[in-house]
Amino acid sequence: MFKRLGLRDLDETRADAEPETTEDRQRRIVILGFYRVASSFLTELERRHATLLEQVFIVDFNPTVYHSLRSRGIKVHYGDIAHADTLAHAGITEAEIVISSLPDSLLKGTTNERLVRHVRAVNASAKIIATADVLAEIQTLYAAGADYVTIARLDQANELVDVVTAAEAGLIDDMRSRLEARLKDRREILP
């Protein structure tokens, strides 16, 4: 919309900026939407698989997130993932892995099912990872073409079982120490 009005959009390069290289266009892992889970995912990649971080490309429309990611050297495209043109420009047709990181409750103008169907239609070989809030969505997302569906509440439930088990064994302080060690020096885009 900004471009049609003759205004410079956040993703528009300046005339003095270096042109995008072929390497920049190769977006192996594309993350659609950026919020807390994606922020933690990037931090874990940085900590455990730093080489993969170079292959990540984020698509989001939050200007603060856009600038924060850019300042950290992470490739990002400013755009609304609900629009097919944004997804095409972001390179989903060539991506090997596409992650829809937002649950439907946070998406505006689209759903994980629509995103999965669109990505599958334009990129038959991509591994698509979608996010579900509700257990009933899981089969729908697989039917739409997802290769894997994440459900954050299941991971949190498993952690709670571990914490309760540790508390019963008198080891909750150990679990807390391990968590504090994981959180120490953590630099997330969205804390």
C-alpha atoms as a PDB file:
ATOM      1  CA  MET A   1       0.000   0.000   0.000  1.00  0.00           C
ATOM      2  CA  PHE A   2       2.818   2.417   0.880  1.00  0.00           C
ATOM      3  CA  LYS A   3       4.515   1.782  -2.435  1.00  0.00           C
ATOM      4  CA  ARG A   4       1.326   2.483  -4.393  1.00  0.00           C
ATOM      5  CA  LEU A   5       1.097   5.847  -2.654  1.00  0.00           C
ATOM      6  CA  GLY A   6       4.714   6.602  -3.563  1.00  0.00           C
ATOM      7  CA  LEU A   7       5.982   6.172   0.000  1.00  0.00           C
ATOM      8  CA  ARG A   8       8.941   4.030   1.016  1.00  0.00           C
ATOM      9  CA  ASP A   9       7.934   0.814   2.797  1.00  0.00           C
ATOM     10  CA  LEU A  10      10.097  -0.860   5.449  1.00  0.00           C
ATOM     11  CA  ASP A  11      11.216  -3.630   3.066  1.00  0.00           C
ATOM     12  CA  GLU A  12      12.181  -1.252   0.271  1.00  0.00           C
ATOM     13  CA  THR A  13      15.920  -0.981  -0.218  1.00  0.00           C
ATOM     14  CA  ARG A  14      17.539   2.408  -0.564  1.00  0.00           C
ATOM     15  CA  ALA A  15      19.414   3.320  -3.729  1.00  0.00           C
ATOM     16  CA  ASP A  16      22.720   3.288  -1.816  1.00  0.00           C
ATOM     17  CA  ALA A  17      22.061  -0.139  -0.297  1.00  0.00           C
ATOM     18  CA  GLU A  18      23.860  -3.188  -1.636  1.00  0.00           C
ATOM     19  CA  PRO A  19      21.758  -5.275  -4.018  1.00  0.00           C
ATOM     20  CA  GLU A  20      20.399  -8.565  -2.773  1.00  0.00           C
ATOM     21  CA  THR A  21      22.713 -11.464  -3.604  1.00  0.00           C
ATOM     22  CA  THR A  22      21.749 -14.922  -4.815  1.00  0.00           C
ATOM     23  CA  GLU A  23      22.671 -16.219  -1.363  1.00  0.00           C
ATOM     24  CA  ASP A  24      20.215 -13.760   0.232  1.00  0.00           C
ATOM     25  CA  ARG A  25      17.431 -15.034  -2.022  1.00  0.00           C
ATOM     26  CA  GLN A  26      17.988 -18.635  -0.980  1.00  0.00           C
ATOM     27  CA  ARG A  27      15.725 -18.871   2.001  1.00  0.00           C
ATOM     28  CA  ARG A  28      15.961 -22.421   3.220  1.00  0.00           C
ATOM     29  CA  ILE A  29      13.871 -21.997   6.399  1.00  0.00           C
ATOM     30  CA  VAL A  30      11.018 -19.493   6.196  1.00  0.00           C
ATOM     31  CA  ILE A  31       9.116 -18.538   9.354  1.00  0.00           C
ATOM     32  CA  LEU A  32       5.681 -17.044   8.761  1.00  0.00           C
ATOM     33  CA  GLY A  33       4.825 -14.668  11.592  1.00  0.00           C
ATOM     34  CA  PHE A  34       7.012 -13.735  14.530  1.00  0.00           C
ATOM     35  CA  TYR A  35       5.942 -13.767  18.140  1.00  0.00           C
ATOM     36  CA  ARG A  36       7.161 -15.363  21.356  1.00  0.00           C
ATOM     37  CA  VAL A  37       7.568 -18.943  20.130  1.00  0.00           C
ATOM     38  CA  ALA A  38       9.525 -17.793  17.071  1.00  0.00           C
ATOM     39  CA  SER A  39      11.635 -15.536  19.284  1.00  0.00           C
ATOM     40  CA  SER A  40      12.515 -18.451  21.576  1.00  0.00           C
ATOM     41  CA  PHE A  41      13.099 -20.705  18.563  1.00  0.00           C
ATOM     42  CA  LEU A  42      15.662 -18.244  17.145  1.00  0.00           C
ATOM     43  CA  THR A  43      17.402 -18.017  20.502  1.00  0.00           C
ATOM     44  CA  GLU A  44      17.605 -21.814  20.749  1.00  0.00           C
ATOM     45  CA  LEU A  45      18.944 -22.035  17.193  1.00  0.00           C
ATOM     46  CA  GLU A  46      21.555 -19.418  18.030  1.00  0.00           C
ATOM     47  CA  ARG A  47      22.543 -21.391  21.132  1.00  0.00           C
ATOM     48  CA  ARG A  48      22.407 -24.940  19.736  1.00  0.00           C
ATOM     49  CA  HIS A  49      22.616 -24.749  15.900  1.00  0.00           C
ATOM     50  CA  ALA A  50      24.095 -21.376  14.971  1.00  0.00           C
ATOM     51  CA  THR A  51      24.735 -22.434  11.367  1.00  0.00           C
ATOM     52  CA  LEU A  52      21.004 -22.925  10.813  1.00  0.00           C
ATOM     53  CA  LEU A  53      20.327 -19.366  11.968  1.00  0.00           C
ATOM     54  CA  GLU A  54      21.967 -18.073   8.769  1.00  0.00           C
ATOM     55  CA  GLN A  55      19.395 -19.985   6.721  1.00  0.00           C
ATOM     56  CA  VAL A  56      16.340 -18.546   8.495  1.00  0.00           C
ATOM     57  CA  PHE A  57      14.143 -15.931   6.861  1.00  0.00           C
ATOM     58  CA  ILE A  58      11.298 -14.306   8.805  1.00  0.00           C
ATOM     59  CA  VAL A  59       8.117 -12.780   7.367  1.00  0.00           C
ATOM     60  CA  ASP A  60       6.239 -10.422   9.696  1.00  0.00           C
ATOM     61  CA  PHE A  61       4.511  -7.036   9.634  1.00  0.00           C
ATOM     62  CA  ASN A  62       5.556  -5.668  13.048  1.00  0.00           C
ATOM     63  CA  PRO A  63       7.971  -2.746  12.414  1.00  0.00           C
ATOM     64  CA  THR A  64       9.645  -3.145  15.812  1.00  0.00           C
ATOM     65  CA  VAL A  65      10.290  -6.839  15.184  1.00  0.00           C
ATOM     66  CA  TYR A  66      11.497  -6.028  11.665  1.00  0.00           C
ATOM     67  CA  HIS A  67      14.103  -3.547  12.901  1.00  0.00           C
ATOM     68  CA  SER A  68      15.183  -5.749  15.824  1.00  0.00           C
ATOM     69  CA  LEU A  69      15.717  -8.757  13.571  1.00  0.00           C
ATOM     70  CA  ARG A  70      17.626  -6.667  11.001  1.00  0.00           C
ATOM     71  CA  SER A  71      19.880  -5.223  13.700  1.00  0.00           C
ATOM     72  CA  ARG A  72      20.739  -8.787  14.786  1.00  0.00           C
ATOM     73  CA  GLY A  73      21.619  -9.767  11.208  1.00  0.00           C
ATOM     74  CA  ILE A  74      18.584 -12.008  10.717  1.00  0.00           C
ATOM     75  CA  LYS A  75      16.971 -11.908   7.290  1.00  0.00           C
ATOM     76  CA  VAL A  76      13.445 -10.546   7.451  1.00  0.00           C
ATOM     77  CA  HIS A  77      10.764  -9.434   5.033  1.00  0.00           C
ATOM     78  CA  TYR A  78       8.218  -6.840   6.107  1.00  0.00           C
ATOM     79  CA  GLY A  79       4.795  -8.042   5.028  1.00  0.00           C
ATOM     80  CA  ASP A  80       1.464  -9.557   5.965  1.00  0.00           C
ATOM     81  CA  ILE A  81       1.532 -13.364   5.764  1.00  0.00           C
ATOM     82  CA  ALA A  82      -2.195 -13.352   4.952  1.00  0.00           C
ATOM     83  CA  HIS A  83      -1.338 -12.079   1.432  1.00  0.00           C
ATOM     84  CA  ALA A  84      -0.171 -14.447  -1.309  1.00  0.00           C
ATOM     85  CA  ASP A  85       2.071 -11.749  -2.893  1.00  0.00           C
ATOM     86  CA  THR A  86       3.937 -11.341   0.401  1.00  0.00           C
ATOM     87  CA  LEU A  87       4.516 -15.080   0.604  1.00  0.00           C
ATOM     88  CA  ALA A  88       5.696 -15.246  -3.013  1.00  0.00           C
ATOM     89  CA  HIS A  89       8.073 -12.325  -2.487  1.00  0.00           C
ATOM     90  CA  ALA A  90       9.361 -13.992   0.679  1.00  0.00           C
ATOM     91  CA  GLY A  91      10.446 -17.019  -1.340  1.00  0.00           C
ATOM     92  CA  ILE A  92       8.198 -19.787  -0.056  1.00  0.00           C
ATOM     93  CA  THR A  93       8.196 -21.414  -3.497  1.00  0.00           C
ATOM     94  CA  GLU A  94      11.886 -22.334  -3.023  1.00  0.00           C
ATOM     95  CA  ALA A  95      11.971 -22.849   0.758  1.00  0.00           C
ATOM     96  CA  GLU A  96      12.820 -26.291   2.083  1.00  0.00           C
ATOM     97  CA  ILE A  97      11.125 -25.748   5.444  1.00  0.00           C
ATOM     98  CA  VAL A  98       8.196 -23.406   6.090  1.00  0.00           C
ATOM     99  CA  ILE A  99       7.100 -22.768   9.666  1.00  0.00           C
ATOM    100  CA  SER A 100       3.788 -21.148  10.490  1.00  0.00           C
ATOM    101  CA  SER A 101       4.700 -20.120  14.023  1.00  0.00           C
ATOM    102  CA  LEU A 102       1.514 -18.358  15.118  1.00  0.00           C
ATOM    103  CA  PRO A 103      -1.609 -20.139  16.337  1.00  0.00           C
ATOM    104  CA  ASP A 104      -4.922 -19.156  14.743  1.00  0.00           C
ATOM    105  CA  SER A 105      -5.807 -17.151  17.852  1.00  0.00           C
ATOM    106  CA  LEU A 106      -3.036 -14.673  16.953  1.00  0.00           C
ATOM    107  CA  LEU A 107      -3.413 -14.698  13.161  1.00  0.00           C
ATOM    108  CA  LYS A 108      -5.348 -11.916  11.454  1.00  0.00           C
ATOM    109  CA  GLY A 109      -6.891 -12.400   8.013  1.00  0.00           C
ATOM    110  CA  THR A 110      -5.832 -16.023   7.631  1.00  0.00           C
ATOM    111  CA  THR A 111      -5.548 -19.360   9.433  1.00  0.00           C
ATOM    112  CA  ASN A 112      -2.904 -22.031   9.663  1.00  0.00           C
ATOM    113  CA  GLU A 113      -5.035 -24.225   7.420  1.00  0.00           C
ATOM    114  CA  ARG A 114      -5.120 -21.566   4.669  1.00  0.00           C
ATOM    115  CA  LEU A 115      -1.397 -20.923   5.005  1.00  0.00           C
ATOM    116  CA  VAL A 116      -0.597 -24.631   4.797  1.00  0.00           C
ATOM    117  CA  ARG A 117      -2.843 -25.109   1.756  1.00  0.00           C
ATOM    118  CA  HIS A 118      -1.267 -22.129  -0.007  1.00  0.00           C
ATOM    119  CA  VAL A 119       2.311 -23.167   0.740  1.00  0.00           C
ATOM    120  CA  ARG A 120       1.594 -26.751  -0.336  1.00  0.00           C
ATOM    121  CA  ALA A 121       0.005 -25.503  -3.588  1.00  0.00           C
ATOM    122  CA  VAL A 122       3.062 -23.440  -4.555  1.00  0.00           C
ATOM    123  CA  ASN A 123       5.770 -25.676  -3.073  1.00  0.00           C
ATOM    124  CA  ALA A 124       5.000 -29.387  -3.144  1.00  0.00           C
ATOM    125  CA  SER A 125       8.375 -30.408  -1.696  1.00  0.00           C
ATOM    126  CA  ALA A 126       8.549 -28.068   1.312  1.00  0.00           C
ATOM    127  CA  LYS A 127       8.387 -29.520   4.793  1.00  0.00           C
ATOM    128  CA  ILE A 128       5.568 -27.527   6.394  1.00  0.00           C
ATOM    129  CA  ILE A 129       5.343 -27.116  10.153  1.00  0.00           C
ATOM    130  CA  ALA A 130       2.099 -25.575  11.400  1.00  0.00           C
ATOM    131  CA  THR A 131       0.864 -24.527  14.832  1.00  0.00           C
ATOM    132  CA  ALA A 132      -2.396 -25.556  16.477  1.00  0.00           C
ATOM    133  CA  ASP A 133      -4.178 -24.155  19.518  1.00  0.00           C
ATOM    134  CA  VAL A 134      -6.932 -26.747  19.566  1.00  0.00           C
ATOM    135  CA  LEU A 135      -6.410 -30.498  19.296  1.00  0.00           C
ATOM    136  CA  ALA A 136      -9.233 -30.738  16.746  1.00  0.00           C
ATOM    137  CA  GLU A 137      -7.140 -28.608  14.337  1.00  0.00           C
ATOM    138  CA  ILE A 138      -4.353 -31.178  14.108  1.00  0.00           C
ATOM    139  CA  GLN A 139      -6.009 -33.536  11.614  1.00  0.00           C
ATOM    140  CA  THR A 140      -7.301 -30.582   9.584  1.00  0.00           C
ATOM    141  CA  LEU A 141      -3.756 -29.235   9.249  1.00  0.00           C
ATOM    142  CA  TYR A 142      -2.383 -32.636   8.237  1.00  0.00           C
ATOM    143  CA  ALA A 143      -5.172 -32.979   5.660  1.00  0.00           C
ATOM    144  CA  ALA A 144      -4.259 -29.511   4.333  1.00  0.00           C
ATOM    145  CA  GLY A 145      -0.682 -30.653   3.743  1.00  0.00           C
ATOM    146  CA  ALA A 146       1.270 -30.012   6.951  1.00  0.00           C
ATOM    147  CA  ASP A 147       4.151 -32.382   7.620  1.00  0.00           C
ATOM    148  CA  TYR A 148       4.157 -31.679  11.357  1.00  0.00           C
ATOM    149  CA  VAL A 149       1.888 -29.791  13.748  1.00  0.00           C
ATOM    150  CA  THR A 150       3.156 -28.244  16.981  1.00  0.00           C
ATOM    151  CA  ILE A 151       0.940 -27.804  20.009  1.00  0.00           C
ATOM    152  CA  ALA A 152       2.674 -25.622  22.612  1.00  0.00           C
ATOM    153  CA  ARG A 153       0.361 -26.617  25.427  1.00  0.00           C
ATOM    154  CA  LEU A 154       1.469 -30.279  25.153  1.00  0.00           C
ATOM    155  CA  ASP A 155       5.127 -29.315  25.639  1.00  0.00           C
ATOM    156  CA  GLN A 156       4.215 -27.138  28.601  1.00  0.00           C
ATOM    157  CA  ALA A 157       2.087 -29.933  30.079  1.00  0.00           C
ATOM    158  CA  ASN A 158       5.039 -32.340  29.822  1.00  0.00           C
ATOM    159  CA  GLU A 159       7.268 -29.802  31.550  1.00  0.00           C
ATOM    160  CA  LEU A 160       4.698 -29.415  34.349  1.00  0.00           C
ATOM    161  CA  VAL A 161       4.640 -33.195  34.849  1.00  0.00           C
ATOM    162  CA  ASP A 162       8.449 -33.136  35.124  1.00  0.00           C
ATOM    163  CA  VAL A 163       8.323 -30.263  37.645  1.00  0.00           C
ATOM    164  CA  VAL A 164       5.652 -31.944  39.787  1.00  0.00           C
ATOM    165  CA  THR A 165       7.613 -35.220  39.702  1.00  0.00           C
ATOM    166  CA  ALA A 166      10.767 -33.330  40.709  1.00  0.00           C
ATOM    167  CA  ALA A 167       8.872 -31.569  43.516  1.00  0.00           C
ATOM    168  CA  GLU A 168       7.641 -34.897  44.860  1.00  0.00           C
ATOM    169  CA  ALA A 169      11.218 -36.229  44.796  1.00  0.00           C
ATOM    170  CA  GLY A 170      12.569 -33.114  46.538  1.00  0.00           C
ATOM    171  CA  LEU A 171      14.397 -32.009  43.388  1.00  0.00           C
ATOM    172  CA  ILE A 172      12.481 -28.882  42.422  1.00  0.00           C
ATOM    173  CA  ASP A 173      15.452 -26.673  43.351  1.00  0.00           C
ATOM    174  CA  ASP A 174      17.581 -28.623  40.853  1.00  0.00           C
ATOM    175  CA  MET A 175      14.989 -28.097  38.131  1.00  0.00           C
ATOM    176  CA  ARG A 176      14.821 -24.388  38.930  1.00  0.00           C
ATOM    177  CA  SER A 177      18.631 -24.126  38.769  1.00  0.00           C
ATOM    178  CA  ARG A 178      18.644 -25.798  35.353  1.00  0.00           C
ATOM    179  CA  LEU A 179      15.962 -23.399  34.120  1.00  0.00           C
ATOM    180  CA  GLU A 180      17.826 -20.382  35.477  1.00  0.00           C
ATOM    181  CA  ALA A 181      20.988 -21.580  33.711  1.00  0.00           C
ATOM    182  CA  ARG A 182      19.035 -21.826  30.427  1.00  0.00           C
ATOM    183  CA  LEU A 183      17.652 -18.318  30.899  1.00  0.00           C
ATOM    184  CA  LYS A 184      20.985 -16.732  31.828  1.00  0.00           C
ATOM    185  CA  ASP A 185      22.309 -14.409  29.128  1.00  0.00           C
ATOM    186  CA  ARG A 186      19.337 -15.165  26.878  1.00  0.00           C
ATOM    187  CA  ARG A 187      18.935 -12.469  24.215  1.00  0.00           C
ATOM    188  CA  GLU A 188      15.487 -12.785  22.679  1.00  0.00           C
ATOM    189  CA  ILE A 189      13.916 -10.399  20.210  1.00  0.00           C
ATOM    190  CA  LEU A 190      10.681 -10.592  22.214  1.00  0.00           C
ATOM    191  CA  PRO A 191      11.656 -11.186  25.870  1.00  0.00           C
END
